[in-house]
Amino acid sequence: MTTPQQRLHLVFGGELISTDSTVFKNPDAIHIVGMFPNYATAYQAWKAEAHRTVDEAQTRYFIAHIHRLNDEGQPTSPTAELGA
């Protein structure tokens, strides 16, 4: 029996150093909107934050596909395992 894979999405954003960059001006101030169980709900959260900050030219929000970072078929490093 296989366990179904969750397709988690993280929505986050903040002020970038410039409008043509994806480097955050202050990584300590990144706004974590939340983790969402599917793309549709993550997109709605992203859209709400993007609209809320529309007048802040250097502020951008992103959707990270967390499920793509964790491929159970690939070996992990010792630092990726808890307690290693």
Protein backbone atom coordinates (compact mmCIF):
# COMPACT_ATOMS: atom_id res chain seq x y z
CA MET A 1 0.00 0.00 0.00
CA THR A 2 1.40 3.39 -0.97
CA THR A 3 0.86 6.55 1.01
CA PRO A 4 -0.61 9.40 -1.02
CA GLN A 5 1.70 12.36 -1.50
CA GLN A 6 0.57 15.72 -0.18
CA ARG A 7 0.97 18.62 -2.56
CA LEU A 8 1.83 21.34 -0.07
CA HIS A 9 2.39 24.94 -1.16
CA LEU A 10 4.01 27.74 0.85
CA VAL A 11 3.03 31.36 0.19
CA PHE A 12 5.55 33.99 1.28
CA GLY A 13 6.81 37.39 0.28
CA GLY A 14 8.36 40.67 1.20
CA GLU A 15 10.33 43.62 -0.06
CA LEU A 16 12.92 42.89 -2.74
CA ILE A 17 16.14 44.82 -3.29
CA SER A 18 14.83 45.86 -6.71
CA THR A 19 11.92 45.20 -9.03
CA ASP A 20 14.08 43.13 -11.37
CA SER A 21 15.38 40.80 -8.65
CA THR A 22 14.11 38.01 -6.43
CA VAL A 23 16.54 38.84 -3.60
CA PHE A 24 14.83 39.98 -0.40
CA LYS A 25 15.96 43.29 1.09
CA ASN A 26 15.60 41.91 4.63
CA PRO A 27 15.21 38.12 4.84
CA ASP A 28 14.35 38.43 8.54
CA ALA A 29 11.22 40.36 7.55
CA ILE A 30 9.84 37.83 5.06
CA HIS A 31 6.09 37.51 5.51
CA ILE A 32 5.03 33.87 5.73
CA VAL A 33 1.39 33.82 4.63
CA GLY A 34 0.96 30.10 5.24
CA MET A 35 1.12 26.52 4.04
CA PHE A 36 -1.72 25.32 1.84
CA PRO A 37 -2.87 21.81 0.88
CA ASN A 38 -3.27 22.53 -2.84
CA TYR A 39 -2.37 25.05 -5.50
CA ALA A 40 -5.86 26.55 -5.74
CA THR A 41 -5.93 27.69 -2.11
CA ALA A 42 -2.30 28.81 -2.26
CA TYR A 43 -3.10 30.86 -5.35
CA GLN A 44 -6.02 32.55 -3.60
CA ALA A 45 -3.77 33.47 -0.66
CA TRP A 46 -1.04 34.70 -3.02
CA LYS A 47 -3.55 36.78 -4.98
CA ALA A 48 -4.94 38.39 -1.81
CA GLU A 49 -1.45 39.40 -0.62
CA ALA A 50 -0.43 40.62 -4.08
CA HIS A 51 -3.54 42.81 -4.24
CA ARG A 52 -3.02 44.06 -0.69
CA THR A 53 0.50 45.23 -1.51
CA VAL A 54 -0.14 46.44 -5.07
CA ASP A 55 1.07 49.98 -4.24
CA GLU A 56 4.39 48.70 -2.86
CA ALA A 57 6.40 48.32 -6.09
CA GLN A 58 9.24 46.26 -4.61
CA THR A 59 7.05 43.87 -2.61
CA ARG A 60 6.45 40.47 -4.19
CA TYR A 61 4.78 37.26 -3.07
CA PHE A 62 5.64 33.77 -4.24
CA ILE A 63 4.21 30.25 -4.18
CA ALA A 64 6.75 27.54 -3.36
CA HIS A 65 5.83 23.99 -4.34
CA ILE A 66 7.00 22.24 -1.18
CA HIS A 67 6.01 18.80 -2.46
CA ARG A 68 8.63 19.15 -5.19
CA LEU A 69 11.38 19.45 -2.57
CA ASN A 70 10.65 16.08 -1.00
CA ASP A 71 10.98 13.15 -3.38
CA GLU A 72 10.79 10.00 -1.30
CA GLY A 73 12.47 8.07 -4.10
CA GLN A 74 15.71 10.04 -3.73
CA PRO A 75 18.26 9.30 -1.00
CA THR A 76 18.64 12.00 1.64
CA SER A 77 21.74 13.31 3.31
CA PRO A 78 22.29 12.62 7.03
CA THR A 79 21.47 16.26 7.79
CA ALA A 80 18.04 15.86 6.18
CA GLU A 81 17.06 13.20 8.69
CA LEU A 82 15.95 14.17 12.18
CA GLY A 83 18.35 13.00 14.84
CA ALA A 84 21.24 12.50 12.42
